[in-house]
């Protein structure tokens, strides 16, 4: 095989398409779709389905006032001030989401609610044992590796169960 042979089909296609501007656009579109598909990290159809059907549980709460959130979720575990008047409230919770009454000792999830000017602009949440879905590949023990694959990646949902949304 000569050097650059793997690129030859693409080059021939580009040159053939360069005759007609619409053909060039079609080749460029095909390459863009191919590159976008590769951007997912070749993670497989299962991951693609999960990514496409993932629900943003925090979205219904964006736009609420800080006062409304504090009424529904109670006092946060911590407050992190940021520049420009932004502030992030951090909650640790178990189950559907934070509720008034403090942090449970067996909390499994963390939510960070970011406010700008007293309005909720972003909700991030994760499991306390957040790990890569590919962490099992680094495990040397085959039994533990199989167990990690079966268990999957721990995850959380988010809601403000005491809010009227």
C-alpha atoms as a PDB file:
ATOM      1  CA  UNK A   1       0.000   0.000   0.000  1.00  0.00           C
ATOM      2  CA  UNK A   2       1.412   3.328  -0.914  1.00  0.00           C
ATOM      3  CA  UNK A   3       1.552   6.301   1.427  1.00  0.00           C
ATOM      4  CA  UNK A   4      -1.719   8.207   1.537  1.00  0.00           C
ATOM      5  CA  UNK A   5      -3.717   5.388  -0.096  1.00  0.00           C
ATOM      6  CA  UNK A   6      -6.347   5.521   2.661  1.00  0.00           C
ATOM      7  CA  UNK A   7      -7.125   9.115   1.679  1.00  0.00           C
ATOM      8  CA  UNK A   8      -7.432   8.409  -2.046  1.00  0.00           C
ATOM      9  CA  UNK A   9     -11.188   7.591  -2.086  1.00  0.00           C
ATOM     10  CA  UNK A  10     -11.963  10.865  -0.305  1.00  0.00           C
ATOM     11  CA  UNK A  11      -9.718  12.851  -2.602  1.00  0.00           C
ATOM     12  CA  UNK A  12     -11.238  11.213  -5.719  1.00  0.00           C
ATOM     13  CA  UNK A  13     -14.748  11.925  -4.403  1.00  0.00           C
ATOM     14  CA  UNK A  14     -13.852  15.548  -3.679  1.00  0.00           C
ATOM     15  CA  UNK A  15     -12.328  16.036  -7.110  1.00  0.00           C
ATOM     16  CA  UNK A  16     -15.315  14.420  -8.809  1.00  0.00           C
ATOM     17  CA  UNK A  17     -17.680  16.572  -6.803  1.00  0.00           C
ATOM     18  CA  UNK A  18     -15.684  19.686  -7.575  1.00  0.00           C
ATOM     19  CA  UNK A  19     -17.097  19.632 -11.095  1.00  0.00           C
ATOM     20  CA  UNK A  20     -20.502  20.700  -9.803  1.00  0.00           C
ATOM     21  CA  UNK A  21     -20.887  23.083  -6.841  1.00  0.00           C
ATOM     22  CA  UNK A  22     -23.924  21.150  -5.589  1.00  0.00           C
ATOM     23  CA  UNK A  23     -21.886  17.954  -5.583  1.00  0.00           C
ATOM     24  CA  UNK A  24     -19.184  19.661  -3.539  1.00  0.00           C
ATOM     25  CA  UNK A  25     -21.801  20.774  -1.029  1.00  0.00           C
ATOM     26  CA  UNK A  26     -23.133  17.208  -0.815  1.00  0.00           C
ATOM     27  CA  UNK A  27     -19.661  15.806  -0.105  1.00  0.00           C
ATOM     28  CA  UNK A  28     -19.045  18.518   2.504  1.00  0.00           C
ATOM     29  CA  UNK A  29     -22.395  17.735   4.161  1.00  0.00           C
ATOM     30  CA  UNK A  30     -21.595  14.002   4.204  1.00  0.00           C
ATOM     31  CA  UNK A  31     -18.201  14.665   5.784  1.00  0.00           C
ATOM     32  CA  UNK A  32     -19.817  16.930   8.384  1.00  0.00           C
ATOM     33  CA  UNK A  33     -22.365  14.253   9.331  1.00  0.00           C
ATOM     34  CA  UNK A  34     -19.577  11.655   9.518  1.00  0.00           C
ATOM     35  CA  UNK A  35     -17.424  13.905  11.726  1.00  0.00           C
ATOM     36  CA  UNK A  36     -20.387  14.684  13.996  1.00  0.00           C
ATOM     37  CA  UNK A  37     -21.014  10.955  14.409  1.00  0.00           C
ATOM     38  CA  UNK A  38     -17.380  10.379  15.286  1.00  0.00           C
ATOM     39  CA  UNK A  39     -17.474  13.164  17.875  1.00  0.00           C
ATOM     40  CA  UNK A  40     -19.457  10.928  20.208  1.00  0.00           C
ATOM     41  CA  UNK A  41     -16.319   8.946  20.891  1.00  0.00           C
ATOM     42  CA  UNK A  42     -17.474   5.814  19.058  1.00  0.00           C
ATOM     43  CA  UNK A  43     -19.466   4.917  22.144  1.00  0.00           C
ATOM     44  CA  UNK A  44     -22.016   2.743  20.385  1.00  0.00           C
ATOM     45  CA  UNK A  45     -25.718   2.803  19.648  1.00  0.00           C
ATOM     46  CA  UNK A  46     -26.770   2.305  23.266  1.00  0.00           C
ATOM     47  CA  UNK A  47     -24.956   5.457  24.351  1.00  0.00           C
ATOM     48  CA  UNK A  48     -26.350   7.372  21.376  1.00  0.00           C
ATOM     49  CA  UNK A  49     -29.904   6.415  22.360  1.00  0.00           C
ATOM     50  CA  UNK A  50     -29.262   7.475  25.949  1.00  0.00           C
ATOM     51  CA  UNK A  51     -27.805  10.805  24.810  1.00  0.00           C
ATOM     52  CA  UNK A  52     -30.722  11.513  22.497  1.00  0.00           C
ATOM     53  CA  UNK A  53     -33.393  10.621  25.057  1.00  0.00           C
ATOM     54  CA  UNK A  54     -31.754  12.184  28.111  1.00  0.00           C
ATOM     55  CA  UNK A  55     -34.104  14.447  30.035  1.00  0.00           C
ATOM     56  CA  UNK A  56     -32.946  17.720  31.571  1.00  0.00           C
ATOM     57  CA  UNK A  57     -34.658  17.419  34.945  1.00  0.00           C
ATOM     58  CA  UNK A  58     -33.531  20.875  36.036  1.00  0.00           C
ATOM     59  CA  UNK A  59     -35.003  22.730  33.060  1.00  0.00           C
ATOM     60  CA  UNK A  60     -38.534  23.266  34.502  1.00  0.00           C
ATOM     61  CA  UNK A  61     -37.049  25.145  37.456  1.00  0.00           C
ATOM     62  CA  UNK A  62     -34.839  27.551  35.518  1.00  0.00           C
ATOM     63  CA  UNK A  63     -36.250  31.053  35.899  1.00  0.00           C
ATOM     64  CA  UNK A  64     -37.478  30.579  39.472  1.00  0.00           C
ATOM     65  CA  UNK A  65     -36.456  33.150  42.065  1.00  0.00           C
ATOM     66  CA  UNK A  66     -33.965  32.275  44.783  1.00  0.00           C
ATOM     67  CA  UNK A  67     -36.699  32.857  47.373  1.00  0.00           C
ATOM     68  CA  UNK A  68     -38.978  30.297  45.669  1.00  0.00           C
ATOM     69  CA  UNK A  69     -36.189  27.721  45.555  1.00  0.00           C
ATOM     70  CA  UNK A  70     -35.286  28.273  49.218  1.00  0.00           C
ATOM     71  CA  UNK A  71     -38.941  27.765  50.160  1.00  0.00           C
ATOM     72  CA  UNK A  72     -39.082  24.476  48.257  1.00  0.00           C
ATOM     73  CA  UNK A  73     -35.632  23.065  48.952  1.00  0.00           C
ATOM     74  CA  UNK A  74     -34.713  24.606  52.278  1.00  0.00           C
ATOM     75  CA  UNK A  75     -31.314  25.957  53.200  1.00  0.00           C
ATOM     76  CA  UNK A  76     -28.410  24.659  51.084  1.00  0.00           C
ATOM     77  CA  UNK A  77     -25.427  22.787  52.432  1.00  0.00           C
ATOM     78  CA  UNK A  78     -23.217  25.564  51.102  1.00  0.00           C
ATOM     79  CA  UNK A  79     -23.296  28.844  49.193  1.00  0.00           C
ATOM     80  CA  UNK A  80     -20.613  29.788  46.702  1.00  0.00           C
ATOM     81  CA  UNK A  81     -20.477  33.457  45.657  1.00  0.00           C
ATOM     82  CA  UNK A  82     -19.195  34.290  42.179  1.00  0.00           C
ATOM     83  CA  UNK A  83     -18.377  37.440  40.259  1.00  0.00           C
ATOM     84  CA  UNK A  84     -21.095  39.579  38.754  1.00  0.00           C
ATOM     85  CA  UNK A  85     -23.585  38.892  41.531  1.00  0.00           C
ATOM     86  CA  UNK A  86     -23.897  35.186  40.733  1.00  0.00           C
ATOM     87  CA  UNK A  87     -24.246  32.638  43.506  1.00  0.00           C
ATOM     88  CA  UNK A  88     -24.380  28.842  43.547  1.00  0.00           C
ATOM     89  CA  UNK A  89     -26.347  26.953  46.176  1.00  0.00           C
ATOM     90  CA  UNK A  90     -25.178  23.386  46.752  1.00  0.00           C
ATOM     91  CA  UNK A  91     -27.560  20.716  48.034  1.00  0.00           C
ATOM     92  CA  UNK A  92     -26.845  17.102  48.982  1.00  0.00           C
ATOM     93  CA  UNK A  93     -29.883  14.855  48.775  1.00  0.00           C
ATOM     94  CA  UNK A  94     -31.238  11.364  48.361  1.00  0.00           C
ATOM     95  CA  UNK A  95     -34.217  10.508  46.210  1.00  0.00           C
ATOM     96  CA  UNK A  96     -36.001  12.937  43.907  1.00  0.00           C
ATOM     97  CA  UNK A  97     -34.367  16.147  45.084  1.00  0.00           C
ATOM     98  CA  UNK A  98     -33.598  18.459  47.989  1.00  0.00           C
ATOM     99  CA  UNK A  99     -36.339  19.200  50.505  1.00  0.00           C
ATOM    100  CA  UNK A 100     -36.403  21.402  53.618  1.00  0.00           C
ATOM    101  CA  UNK A 101     -34.977  19.758  56.694  1.00  0.00           C
ATOM    102  CA  UNK A 102     -31.298  19.455  55.976  1.00  0.00           C
ATOM    103  CA  UNK A 103     -28.954  17.022  54.322  1.00  0.00           C
ATOM    104  CA  UNK A 104     -29.569  13.325  54.919  1.00  0.00           C
ATOM    105  CA  UNK A 105     -26.563  11.434  56.266  1.00  0.00           C
ATOM    106  CA  UNK A 106     -26.838   8.916  53.435  1.00  0.00           C
ATOM    107  CA  UNK A 107     -27.119  11.508  50.649  1.00  0.00           C
ATOM    108  CA  UNK A 108     -26.123  10.069  47.275  1.00  0.00           C
ATOM    109  CA  UNK A 109     -26.619  13.092  45.005  1.00  0.00           C
ATOM    110  CA  UNK A 110     -25.370  16.655  44.772  1.00  0.00           C
ATOM    111  CA  UNK A 111     -27.126  19.515  43.027  1.00  0.00           C
ATOM    112  CA  UNK A 112     -25.626  22.916  42.268  1.00  0.00           C
ATOM    113  CA  UNK A 113     -28.172  25.636  41.551  1.00  0.00           C
ATOM    114  CA  UNK A 114     -26.666  28.774  40.031  1.00  0.00           C
ATOM    115  CA  UNK A 115     -28.432  32.109  40.382  1.00  0.00           C
ATOM    116  CA  UNK A 116     -27.764  35.356  38.584  1.00  0.00           C
ATOM    117  CA  UNK A 117     -29.528  38.434  39.905  1.00  0.00           C
ATOM    118  CA  UNK A 118     -31.717  36.292  42.158  1.00  0.00           C
ATOM    119  CA  UNK A 119     -32.980  34.089  39.292  1.00  0.00           C
ATOM    120  CA  UNK A 120     -32.104  30.429  38.756  1.00  0.00           C
ATOM    121  CA  UNK A 121     -30.110  30.147  35.526  1.00  0.00           C
ATOM    122  CA  UNK A 122     -28.551  26.664  35.717  1.00  0.00           C
ATOM    123  CA  UNK A 123     -29.032  23.341  37.514  1.00  0.00           C
ATOM    124  CA  UNK A 124     -26.267  20.725  37.648  1.00  0.00           C
ATOM    125  CA  UNK A 125     -26.665  17.446  39.492  1.00  0.00           C
ATOM    126  CA  UNK A 126     -24.653  14.256  39.797  1.00  0.00           C
ATOM    127  CA  UNK A 127     -24.179  11.126  41.848  1.00  0.00           C
ATOM    128  CA  UNK A 128     -21.536  11.383  44.574  1.00  0.00           C
ATOM    129  CA  UNK A 129     -19.766   8.375  43.083  1.00  0.00           C
ATOM    130  CA  UNK A 130     -19.719   9.861  39.619  1.00  0.00           C
ATOM    131  CA  UNK A 131     -17.432   7.811  37.464  1.00  0.00           C
ATOM    132  CA  UNK A 132     -16.851   7.300  33.794  1.00  0.00           C
ATOM    133  CA  UNK A 133     -19.034   4.736  32.046  1.00  0.00           C
ATOM    134  CA  UNK A 134     -15.750   3.249  30.845  1.00  0.00           C
ATOM    135  CA  UNK A 135     -14.113   2.940  34.277  1.00  0.00           C
ATOM    136  CA  UNK A 136     -14.627  -0.826  34.175  1.00  0.00           C
ATOM    137  CA  UNK A 137     -11.996  -1.031  31.432  1.00  0.00           C
ATOM    138  CA  UNK A 138      -9.263   0.048  33.860  1.00  0.00           C
ATOM    139  CA  UNK A 139     -10.227  -2.592  36.424  1.00  0.00           C
ATOM    140  CA  UNK A 140      -7.739  -5.499  36.487  1.00  0.00           C
ATOM    141  CA  UNK A 141      -9.941  -8.020  38.339  1.00  0.00           C
ATOM    142  CA  UNK A 142     -12.252  -9.668  35.735  1.00  0.00           C
ATOM    143  CA  UNK A 143     -14.988 -10.363  38.322  1.00  0.00           C
ATOM    144  CA  UNK A 144     -15.027  -6.765  39.524  1.00  0.00           C
ATOM    145  CA  UNK A 145     -14.891  -5.587  35.900  1.00  0.00           C
ATOM    146  CA  UNK A 146     -17.988  -7.659  35.062  1.00  0.00           C
ATOM    147  CA  UNK A 147     -19.771  -6.336  38.158  1.00  0.00           C
ATOM    148  CA  UNK A 148     -19.013  -2.710  37.194  1.00  0.00           C
ATOM    149  CA  UNK A 149     -20.377  -3.318  33.691  1.00  0.00           C
ATOM    150  CA  UNK A 150     -23.572  -4.868  35.104  1.00  0.00           C
ATOM    151  CA  UNK A 151     -24.118  -2.053  37.626  1.00  0.00           C
ATOM    152  CA  UNK A 152     -23.551   0.701  35.096  1.00  0.00           C
ATOM    153  CA  UNK A 153     -22.784   4.273  36.025  1.00  0.00           C
ATOM    154  CA  UNK A 154     -24.580   5.580  39.124  1.00  0.00           C
ATOM    155  CA  UNK A 155     -26.852   8.478  38.290  1.00  0.00           C
ATOM    156  CA  UNK A 156     -29.327  10.875  39.858  1.00  0.00           C
ATOM    157  CA  UNK A 157     -32.462  12.705  38.917  1.00  0.00           C
ATOM    158  CA  UNK A 158     -33.366  16.171  40.071  1.00  0.00           C
ATOM    159  CA  UNK A 159     -36.593  17.784  41.120  1.00  0.00           C
ATOM    160  CA  UNK A 160     -37.837  20.124  43.764  1.00  0.00           C
ATOM    161  CA  UNK A 161     -40.607  17.860  45.134  1.00  0.00           C
ATOM    162  CA  UNK A 162     -42.064  20.585  47.353  1.00  0.00           C
ATOM    163  CA  UNK A 163     -42.377  23.100  44.493  1.00  0.00           C
ATOM    164  CA  UNK A 164     -45.594  23.637  42.551  1.00  0.00           C
ATOM    165  CA  UNK A 165     -43.916  23.170  39.123  1.00  0.00           C
END
